[in-house]
Amino acid sequence: MTTAVEAPTKNQVPMRSRLRDGISNWAGILAILAVWEVLGQVLTLKWLPPFSEVLVRLGELFADGTIQPHLIASFRSLLIGFVISLVVGLGVGIAMGLSSRVFAALDIYVNAMLFVPALTFAPILFAAFGLSDTTRIAVVILYTIFIIIINTAAGIRDVDDPLIDMAASFGASPAATVRRVILPSAIPLIMAGIRLGTGRAVKGMINGEMFIALIGLGGLAAKFGDESNFPSVWAMAVFIMIIAVALNTLVNKLEKRTTSWYA
């Protein structure tokens, strides 16, 4: 006598897949931390403290209130710089995607600025704004805005012509076509640009603070480096990576929510 086996539902399959992915991710992280701990304990290198020591030091930096003021300063410049990059980047990217003339006029410069190291402009920013929040915000913008522009323009320009022709055949106005066909179709690439821009924004925040302003989380890490305080340097590196992963996870969730309809 055979027993019927119930097939997994559509909701169970993605859940199992997410569970497997989560276990794999955590297994990889724990393996790396275990290797780090063993190497730190065995090699006793000054520049490579055990992970347990780094973790204790990170807790001490929070307990004595060292990190909190720098964290607030860093997040302020990160938020302002990212919002400016997002608004301007989407606006310029949409204009480049919709207009061939705008694209031809700006494309070469936008791509060039993407590949030029943003810290190349550090002396100019320092001379113009000094050691101010404006300098750090400008560095975040330089790191972030161009990848958003490029992905937004590419997403709009890659919309299939048959979709646009179909909208026109149904009597849609140009504005309605942009709003209901072009922009929704471009969302996956636009969100990818925002996700990449988020990571670059964190990098710009830290680099601007380390090499220009010497304040915030990057400035604190630079200070510990000058003192050869390696447990504190590693503690700051771990904390910054946690911030980057948390922001990337948040944007990934937003990306999946906005592109869930996309096959």
C-alpha atoms as a PDB file:
ATOM      1  CA  MET A   1       0.000   0.000   0.000  1.00  0.00           C
ATOM      2  CA  THR A   2       1.503   3.328  -1.017  1.00  0.00           C
ATOM      3  CA  THR A   3       1.223   6.512   0.951  1.00  0.00           C
ATOM      4  CA  ALA A   4       0.609   9.777  -0.839  1.00  0.00           C
ATOM      5  CA  VAL A   5       3.296  12.367  -0.282  1.00  0.00           C
ATOM      6  CA  GLU A   6       2.150  15.948  -0.156  1.00  0.00           C
ATOM      7  CA  ALA A   7       4.077  18.202  -2.529  1.00  0.00           C
ATOM      8  CA  PRO A   8       5.620  21.327  -1.030  1.00  0.00           C
ATOM      9  CA  THR A   9       3.559  24.441  -1.511  1.00  0.00           C
ATOM     10  CA  LYS A  10       4.806  27.510  -3.358  1.00  0.00           C
ATOM     11  CA  ASN A  11       5.407  29.313  -0.061  1.00  0.00           C
ATOM     12  CA  GLN A  12       7.359  26.399   1.442  1.00  0.00           C
ATOM     13  CA  VAL A  13       9.887  26.204  -1.396  1.00  0.00           C
ATOM     14  CA  PRO A  14      11.170  29.820  -1.091  1.00  0.00           C
ATOM     15  CA  MET A  15      11.144  29.446   2.708  1.00  0.00           C
ATOM     16  CA  ARG A  16      13.346  26.347   2.542  1.00  0.00           C
ATOM     17  CA  SER A  17      15.621  28.070   0.052  1.00  0.00           C
ATOM     18  CA  ARG A  18      15.985  31.108   2.315  1.00  0.00           C
ATOM     19  CA  LEU A  19      16.681  28.837   5.284  1.00  0.00           C
ATOM     20  CA  ARG A  20      19.427  27.006   3.387  1.00  0.00           C
ATOM     21  CA  ASP A  21      20.938  30.305   2.247  1.00  0.00           C
ATOM     22  CA  GLY A  22      20.835  31.670   5.795  1.00  0.00           C
ATOM     23  CA  ILE A  23      22.537  28.570   7.213  1.00  0.00           C
ATOM     24  CA  SER A  24      25.213  28.729   4.506  1.00  0.00           C
ATOM     25  CA  ASN A  25      25.859  32.424   5.144  1.00  0.00           C
ATOM     26  CA  TRP A  26      26.179  32.003   8.896  1.00  0.00           C
ATOM     27  CA  ALA A  27      28.315  28.875   8.500  1.00  0.00           C
ATOM     28  CA  GLY A  28      30.742  30.818   6.305  1.00  0.00           C
ATOM     29  CA  ILE A  29      30.876  33.743   8.748  1.00  0.00           C
ATOM     30  CA  LEU A  30      31.459  31.475  11.743  1.00  0.00           C
ATOM     31  CA  ALA A  31      34.192  29.572   9.871  1.00  0.00           C
ATOM     32  CA  ILE A  32      36.029  32.815   9.055  1.00  0.00           C
ATOM     33  CA  LEU A  33      35.753  34.039  12.655  1.00  0.00           C
ATOM     34  CA  ALA A  34      37.001  30.681  13.950  1.00  0.00           C
ATOM     35  CA  VAL A  35      40.041  30.806  11.672  1.00  0.00           C
ATOM     36  CA  TRP A  36      40.661  34.420  12.728  1.00  0.00           C
ATOM     37  CA  GLU A  37      40.493  33.453  16.413  1.00  0.00           C
ATOM     38  CA  VAL A  38      42.859  30.496  15.996  1.00  0.00           C
ATOM     39  CA  LEU A  39      45.408  32.476  13.972  1.00  0.00           C
ATOM     40  CA  GLY A  40      45.299  35.324  16.485  1.00  0.00           C
ATOM     41  CA  GLN A  41      45.853  32.973  19.423  1.00  0.00           C
ATOM     42  CA  VAL A  42      48.562  30.875  17.749  1.00  0.00           C
ATOM     43  CA  LEU A  43      50.583  33.446  15.819  1.00  0.00           C
ATOM     44  CA  THR A  44      50.447  36.173  18.499  1.00  0.00           C
ATOM     45  CA  LEU A  45      51.035  38.882  15.912  1.00  0.00           C
ATOM     46  CA  LYS A  46      50.707  42.458  17.123  1.00  0.00           C
ATOM     47  CA  TRP A  47      48.662  43.488  14.083  1.00  0.00           C
ATOM     48  CA  LEU A  48      46.341  40.440  14.243  1.00  0.00           C
ATOM     49  CA  PRO A  49      44.655  40.182  17.653  1.00  0.00           C
ATOM     50  CA  PRO A  50      42.205  37.300  18.231  1.00  0.00           C
ATOM     51  CA  PHE A  51      38.604  38.009  17.300  1.00  0.00           C
ATOM     52  CA  SER A  52      37.533  37.610  20.929  1.00  0.00           C
ATOM     53  CA  GLU A  53      39.871  40.455  21.911  1.00  0.00           C
ATOM     54  CA  VAL A  54      38.509  42.611  19.096  1.00  0.00           C
ATOM     55  CA  LEU A  55      34.955  41.907  20.193  1.00  0.00           C
ATOM     56  CA  VAL A  56      35.765  42.840  23.797  1.00  0.00           C
ATOM     57  CA  ARG A  57      37.425  46.051  22.614  1.00  0.00           C
ATOM     58  CA  LEU A  58      34.376  46.965  20.511  1.00  0.00           C
ATOM     59  CA  GLY A  59      32.188  46.532  23.568  1.00  0.00           C
ATOM     60  CA  GLU A  60      34.529  48.757  25.604  1.00  0.00           C
ATOM     61  CA  LEU A  61      34.404  51.496  22.961  1.00  0.00           C
ATOM     62  CA  PHE A  62      30.626  51.519  23.231  1.00  0.00           C
ATOM     63  CA  ALA A  63      30.632  51.246  27.020  1.00  0.00           C
ATOM     64  CA  ASP A  64      32.904  54.257  27.550  1.00  0.00           C
ATOM     65  CA  GLY A  65      30.998  56.353  24.986  1.00  0.00           C
ATOM     66  CA  THR A  66      33.871  56.665  22.511  1.00  0.00           C
ATOM     67  CA  ILE A  67      31.984  55.559  19.393  1.00  0.00           C
ATOM     68  CA  GLN A  68      28.578  57.193  19.829  1.00  0.00           C
ATOM     69  CA  PRO A  69      29.464  60.852  19.010  1.00  0.00           C
ATOM     70  CA  HIS A  70      31.484  59.757  15.968  1.00  0.00           C
ATOM     71  CA  LEU A  71      28.688  57.459  14.854  1.00  0.00           C
ATOM     72  CA  ILE A  72      26.182  60.331  14.914  1.00  0.00           C
ATOM     73  CA  ALA A  73      28.544  62.602  12.947  1.00  0.00           C
ATOM     74  CA  SER A  74      29.204  59.893  10.358  1.00  0.00           C
ATOM     75  CA  PHE A  75      25.560  59.012   9.859  1.00  0.00           C
ATOM     76  CA  ARG A  76      24.628  62.670   9.434  1.00  0.00           C
ATOM     77  CA  SER A  77      27.066  63.145   6.551  1.00  0.00           C
ATOM     78  CA  LEU A  78      26.147  59.741   5.108  1.00  0.00           C
ATOM     79  CA  LEU A  79      22.416  60.463   5.155  1.00  0.00           C
ATOM     80  CA  ILE A  80      22.677  63.958   3.696  1.00  0.00           C
ATOM     81  CA  GLY A  81      25.146  62.905   1.013  1.00  0.00           C
ATOM     82  CA  PHE A  82      23.139  59.838   0.035  1.00  0.00           C
ATOM     83  CA  VAL A  83      19.827  61.706  -0.175  1.00  0.00           C
ATOM     84  CA  ILE A  84      21.386  64.390  -2.395  1.00  0.00           C
ATOM     85  CA  SER A  85      22.971  61.696  -4.573  1.00  0.00           C
ATOM     86  CA  LEU A  86      19.683  59.826  -4.818  1.00  0.00           C
ATOM     87  CA  VAL A  87      17.572  62.847  -5.797  1.00  0.00           C
ATOM     88  CA  VAL A  88      20.066  64.338  -8.246  1.00  0.00           C
ATOM     89  CA  GLY A  89      21.210  60.945  -9.541  1.00  0.00           C
ATOM     90  CA  LEU A  90      17.694  59.786 -10.338  1.00  0.00           C
ATOM     91  CA  GLY A  91      16.839  63.126 -11.946  1.00  0.00           C
ATOM     92  CA  VAL A  92      19.924  63.226 -14.178  1.00  0.00           C
ATOM     93  CA  GLY A  93      19.677  59.499 -14.951  1.00  0.00           C
ATOM     94  CA  ILE A  94      16.042  59.793 -16.019  1.00  0.00           C
ATOM     95  CA  ALA A  95      16.885  62.800 -18.215  1.00  0.00           C
ATOM     96  CA  MET A  96      19.752  60.872 -19.832  1.00  0.00           C
ATOM     97  CA  GLY A  97      17.542  57.848 -20.361  1.00  0.00           C
ATOM     98  CA  LEU A  98      14.696  59.763 -21.964  1.00  0.00           C
ATOM     99  CA  SER A  99      16.720  62.204 -24.072  1.00  0.00           C
ATOM    100  CA  SER A 100      19.373  61.093 -26.543  1.00  0.00           C
ATOM    101  CA  ARG A 101      20.783  64.630 -26.610  1.00  0.00           C
ATOM    102  CA  VAL A 102      21.223  64.753 -22.838  1.00  0.00           C
ATOM    103  CA  PHE A 103      22.742  61.274 -22.916  1.00  0.00           C
ATOM    104  CA  ALA A 104      25.233  62.239 -25.629  1.00  0.00           C
ATOM    105  CA  ALA A 105      26.181  65.400 -23.754  1.00  0.00           C
ATOM    106  CA  LEU A 106      26.732  63.826 -20.318  1.00  0.00           C
ATOM    107  CA  ASP A 107      27.523  60.128 -20.755  1.00  0.00           C
ATOM    108  CA  ILE A 108      31.269  60.445 -21.278  1.00  0.00           C
ATOM    109  CA  TYR A 109      31.695  62.727 -18.263  1.00  0.00           C
ATOM    110  CA  VAL A 110      29.513  60.632 -15.950  1.00  0.00           C
ATOM    111  CA  ASN A 111      31.432  57.466 -16.842  1.00  0.00           C
ATOM    112  CA  ALA A 112      34.757  59.235 -16.431  1.00  0.00           C
ATOM    113  CA  MET A 113      33.776  60.522 -12.987  1.00  0.00           C
ATOM    114  CA  LEU A 114      32.721  57.022 -11.951  1.00  0.00           C
ATOM    115  CA  PHE A 115      36.228  55.666 -12.520  1.00  0.00           C
ATOM    116  CA  VAL A 116      38.239  58.632 -11.246  1.00  0.00           C
ATOM    117  CA  PRO A 117      39.096  58.080  -7.533  1.00  0.00           C
ATOM    118  CA  ALA A 118      36.966  60.538  -5.590  1.00  0.00           C
ATOM    119  CA  LEU A 119      39.849  61.333  -3.231  1.00  0.00           C
ATOM    120  CA  THR A 120      41.624  62.905  -6.208  1.00  0.00           C
ATOM    121  CA  PHE A 121      39.441  65.925  -5.511  1.00  0.00           C
ATOM    122  CA  ALA A 122      40.333  65.979  -1.807  1.00  0.00           C
ATOM    123  CA  PRO A 123      42.711  68.973  -2.050  1.00  0.00           C
ATOM    124  CA  ILE A 124      40.071  70.971  -3.959  1.00  0.00           C
ATOM    125  CA  LEU A 125      37.340  70.108  -1.451  1.00  0.00           C
ATOM    126  CA  PHE A 126      39.625  70.908   1.472  1.00  0.00           C
ATOM    127  CA  ALA A 127      40.594  74.260  -0.046  1.00  0.00           C
ATOM    128  CA  ALA A 128      36.968  75.124  -0.791  1.00  0.00           C
ATOM    129  CA  PHE A 129      35.229  73.940   2.376  1.00  0.00           C
ATOM    130  CA  GLY A 130      37.964  73.230   4.923  1.00  0.00           C
ATOM    131  CA  LEU A 131      37.425  70.648   7.675  1.00  0.00           C
ATOM    132  CA  SER A 132      33.661  70.930   7.596  1.00  0.00           C
ATOM    133  CA  ASP A 133      30.640  68.695   7.194  1.00  0.00           C
ATOM    134  CA  THR A 134      30.335  69.974   3.631  1.00  0.00           C
ATOM    135  CA  THR A 135      33.643  68.353   2.689  1.00  0.00           C
ATOM    136  CA  ARG A 136      32.588  64.951   4.013  1.00  0.00           C
ATOM    137  CA  ILE A 137      29.170  65.215   2.391  1.00  0.00           C
ATOM    138  CA  ALA A 138      30.788  66.146  -0.926  1.00  0.00           C
ATOM    139  CA  VAL A 139      33.001  63.035  -0.783  1.00  0.00           C
ATOM    140  CA  VAL A 140      29.957  60.826  -0.147  1.00  0.00           C
ATOM    141  CA  ILE A 141      28.224  62.419  -3.141  1.00  0.00           C
ATOM    142  CA  LEU A 142      31.242  61.892  -5.397  1.00  0.00           C
ATOM    143  CA  TYR A 143      31.364  58.222  -4.442  1.00  0.00           C
ATOM    144  CA  THR A 144      27.634  57.639  -4.841  1.00  0.00           C
ATOM    145  CA  ILE A 145      25.932  59.783  -7.447  1.00  0.00           C
ATOM    146  CA  PHE A 146      27.507  58.537 -10.680  1.00  0.00           C
ATOM    147  CA  ILE A 147      26.651  54.851 -10.252  1.00  0.00           C
ATOM    148  CA  ILE A 148      23.023  55.853  -9.608  1.00  0.00           C
ATOM    149  CA  ILE A 149      23.002  58.046 -12.733  1.00  0.00           C
ATOM    150  CA  ILE A 150      24.506  55.315 -14.930  1.00  0.00           C
ATOM    151  CA  ASN A 151      22.171  52.553 -13.772  1.00  0.00           C
ATOM    152  CA  THR A 152      19.084  54.758 -13.978  1.00  0.00           C
ATOM    153  CA  ALA A 153      19.913  55.880 -17.510  1.00  0.00           C
ATOM    154  CA  ALA A 154      20.728  52.300 -18.574  1.00  0.00           C
ATOM    155  CA  GLY A 155      17.492  50.981 -17.095  1.00  0.00           C
ATOM    156  CA  ILE A 156      15.381  53.508 -18.993  1.00  0.00           C
ATOM    157  CA  ARG A 157      17.253  53.150 -22.281  1.00  0.00           C
ATOM    158  CA  ASP A 158      17.005  49.336 -22.117  1.00  0.00           C
ATOM    159  CA  VAL A 159      13.194  49.273 -21.990  1.00  0.00           C
ATOM    160  CA  ASP A 160      11.918  47.098 -24.842  1.00  0.00           C
ATOM    161  CA  ASP A 161      10.632  49.100 -27.795  1.00  0.00           C
ATOM    162  CA  PRO A 162       7.583  46.828 -28.253  1.00  0.00           C
ATOM    163  CA  LEU A 163       6.352  47.903 -24.796  1.00  0.00           C
ATOM    164  CA  ILE A 164       6.595  51.549 -25.786  1.00  0.00           C
ATOM    165  CA  ASP A 165       4.941  50.890 -29.161  1.00  0.00           C
ATOM    166  CA  MET A 166       2.120  49.004 -27.468  1.00  0.00           C
ATOM    167  CA  ALA A 167       1.490  51.927 -25.103  1.00  0.00           C
ATOM    168  CA  ALA A 168       1.392  54.300 -28.070  1.00  0.00           C
ATOM    169  CA  SER A 169      -1.017  52.032 -29.934  1.00  0.00           C
ATOM    170  CA  PHE A 170      -3.414  52.270 -26.977  1.00  0.00           C
ATOM    171  CA  GLY A 171      -3.270  56.053 -27.153  1.00  0.00           C
ATOM    172  CA  ALA A 172      -1.044  56.648 -24.108  1.00  0.00           C
ATOM    173  CA  SER A 173       0.482  60.110 -23.945  1.00  0.00           C
ATOM    174  CA  PRO A 174       4.290  60.444 -23.658  1.00  0.00           C
ATOM    175  CA  ALA A 175       3.956  61.338 -19.970  1.00  0.00           C
ATOM    176  CA  ALA A 176       1.706  58.326 -19.310  1.00  0.00           C
ATOM    177  CA  THR A 177       4.113  56.064 -21.199  1.00  0.00           C
ATOM    178  CA  VAL A 178       6.994  57.215 -19.035  1.00  0.00           C
ATOM    179  CA  ARG A 179       4.997  56.860 -15.822  1.00  0.00           C
ATOM    180  CA  ARG A 180       3.287  53.544 -16.508  1.00  0.00           C
ATOM    181  CA  VAL A 181       5.668  51.704 -18.853  1.00  0.00           C
ATOM    182  CA  ILE A 182       9.211  53.050 -18.910  1.00  0.00           C
ATOM    183  CA  LEU A 183       9.819  53.755 -15.227  1.00  0.00           C
ATOM    184  CA  PRO A 184       8.286  50.476 -13.940  1.00  0.00           C
ATOM    185  CA  SER A 185      10.317  48.506 -16.484  1.00  0.00           C
ATOM    186  CA  ALA A 186      13.507  50.303 -15.426  1.00  0.00           C
ATOM    187  CA  ILE A 187      13.016  49.728 -11.689  1.00  0.00           C
ATOM    188  CA  PRO A 188      15.231  46.592 -11.434  1.00  0.00           C
ATOM    189  CA  LEU A 189      18.297  48.398 -12.822  1.00  0.00           C
ATOM    190  CA  ILE A 190      17.486  51.575 -10.899  1.00  0.00           C
ATOM    191  CA  MET A 191      17.303  49.631  -7.631  1.00  0.00           C
ATOM    192  CA  ALA A 192      20.556  47.864  -8.469  1.00  0.00           C
ATOM    193  CA  GLY A 193      22.197  51.274  -8.857  1.00  0.00           C
ATOM    194  CA  ILE A 194      20.785  52.409  -5.512  1.00  0.00           C
ATOM    195  CA  ARG A 195      22.102  49.241  -3.845  1.00  0.00           C
ATOM    196  CA  LEU A 196      25.576  49.753  -5.313  1.00  0.00           C
ATOM    197  CA  GLY A 197      25.388  53.428  -4.396  1.00  0.00           C
ATOM    198  CA  THR A 198      24.661  52.547  -0.767  1.00  0.00           C
ATOM    199  CA  GLY A 199      27.883  50.557  -0.488  1.00  0.00           C
ATOM    200  CA  ARG A 200      29.877  53.281  -2.200  1.00  0.00           C
ATOM    201  CA  ALA A 201      28.323  55.891   0.108  1.00  0.00           C
ATOM    202  CA  VAL A 202      29.630  54.057   3.186  1.00  0.00           C
ATOM    203  CA  LYS A 203      33.056  53.803   1.562  1.00  0.00           C
ATOM    204  CA  GLY A 204      32.999  57.505   0.723  1.00  0.00           C
ATOM    205  CA  MET A 205      31.975  58.395   4.269  1.00  0.00           C
ATOM    206  CA  ILE A 206      34.864  56.445   5.803  1.00  0.00           C
ATOM    207  CA  ASN A 207      37.480  57.575   3.261  1.00  0.00           C
ATOM    208  CA  GLY A 208      36.446  61.199   3.581  1.00  0.00           C
ATOM    209  CA  GLU A 209      36.727  61.032   7.351  1.00  0.00           C
ATOM    210  CA  MET A 210      40.040  59.158   7.350  1.00  0.00           C
ATOM    211  CA  PHE A 211      41.921  61.190   4.789  1.00  0.00           C
ATOM    212  CA  ILE A 212      40.296  64.630   4.911  1.00  0.00           C
ATOM    213  CA  ALA A 213      38.240  65.535   7.963  1.00  0.00           C
ATOM    214  CA  LEU A 214      39.726  63.128  10.563  1.00  0.00           C
ATOM    215  CA  ILE A 215      36.436  62.942  12.456  1.00  0.00           C
ATOM    216  CA  GLY A 216      33.587  60.455  12.592  1.00  0.00           C
ATOM    217  CA  LEU A 217      34.120  56.694  12.471  1.00  0.00           C
ATOM    218  CA  GLY A 218      36.811  56.995   9.797  1.00  0.00           C
ATOM    219  CA  GLY A 219      38.675  59.640  11.767  1.00  0.00           C
ATOM    220  CA  LEU A 220      38.480  57.482  14.895  1.00  0.00           C
ATOM    221  CA  ALA A 221      39.875  54.495  12.985  1.00  0.00           C
ATOM    222  CA  ALA A 222      42.705  56.673  11.627  1.00  0.00           C
ATOM    223  CA  LYS A 223      43.492  57.875  15.157  1.00  0.00           C
ATOM    224  CA  PHE A 224      43.759  54.299  16.435  1.00  0.00           C
ATOM    225  CA  GLY A 225      45.937  53.420  13.463  1.00  0.00           C
ATOM    226  CA  ASP A 226      48.349  56.252  14.217  1.00  0.00           C
ATOM    227  CA  GLU A 227      48.583  54.933  17.789  1.00  0.00           C
ATOM    228  CA  SER A 228      49.165  51.355  16.522  1.00  0.00           C
ATOM    229  CA  ASN A 229      46.183  50.337  18.633  1.00  0.00           C
ATOM    230  CA  PHE A 230      45.365  47.307  16.494  1.00  0.00           C
ATOM    231  CA  PRO A 231      42.559  45.804  18.618  1.00  0.00           C
ATOM    232  CA  SER A 232      40.736  49.137  18.326  1.00  0.00           C
ATOM    233  CA  VAL A 233      41.486  49.380  14.592  1.00  0.00           C
ATOM    234  CA  TRP A 234      40.025  45.930  14.019  1.00  0.00           C
ATOM    235  CA  ALA A 235      37.071  46.772  16.268  1.00  0.00           C
ATOM    236  CA  MET A 236      36.297  49.809  14.108  1.00  0.00           C
ATOM    237  CA  ALA A 237      36.696  47.745  10.930  1.00  0.00           C
ATOM    238  CA  VAL A 238      34.255  45.111  12.226  1.00  0.00           C
ATOM    239  CA  PHE A 239      31.757  47.784  13.271  1.00  0.00           C
ATOM    240  CA  ILE A 240      31.933  49.536   9.895  1.00  0.00           C
ATOM    241  CA  MET A 241      31.412  46.201   8.124  1.00  0.00           C
ATOM    242  CA  ILE A 242      28.357  45.554  10.297  1.00  0.00           C
ATOM    243  CA  ILE A 243      26.944  48.946   9.275  1.00  0.00           C
ATOM    244  CA  ALA A 244      27.609  48.232   5.594  1.00  0.00           C
ATOM    245  CA  VAL A 245      26.000  44.782   5.755  1.00  0.00           C
ATOM    246  CA  ALA A 246      22.970  46.151   7.630  1.00  0.00           C
ATOM    247  CA  LEU A 247      22.423  48.914   5.065  1.00  0.00           C
ATOM    248  CA  ASN A 248      22.916  46.486   2.175  1.00  0.00           C
ATOM    249  CA  THR A 249      20.373  44.098   3.711  1.00  0.00           C
ATOM    250  CA  LEU A 250      17.879  46.941   4.095  1.00  0.00           C
ATOM    251  CA  VAL A 251      18.276  48.028   0.471  1.00  0.00           C
ATOM    252  CA  ASN A 252      18.072  44.401  -0.698  1.00  0.00           C
ATOM    253  CA  LYS A 253      14.740  43.994   1.063  1.00  0.00           C
ATOM    254  CA  LEU A 254      13.491  47.216  -0.535  1.00  0.00           C
ATOM    255  CA  GLU A 255      14.743  46.036  -3.922  1.00  0.00           C
ATOM    256  CA  LYS A 256      12.961  42.683  -3.622  1.00  0.00           C
ATOM    257  CA  ARG A 257       9.757  44.398  -2.529  1.00  0.00           C
ATOM    258  CA  THR A 258       9.788  46.841  -5.460  1.00  0.00           C
ATOM    259  CA  THR A 259      10.803  44.260  -8.057  1.00  0.00           C
ATOM    260  CA  SER A 260       8.788  41.261  -6.814  1.00  0.00           C
ATOM    261  CA  TRP A 261       6.569  41.492  -9.902  1.00  0.00           C
ATOM    262  CA  TYR A 262       9.544  41.302 -12.269  1.00  0.00           C
ATOM    263  CA  ALA A 263      10.084  37.865 -13.805  1.00  0.00           C
END
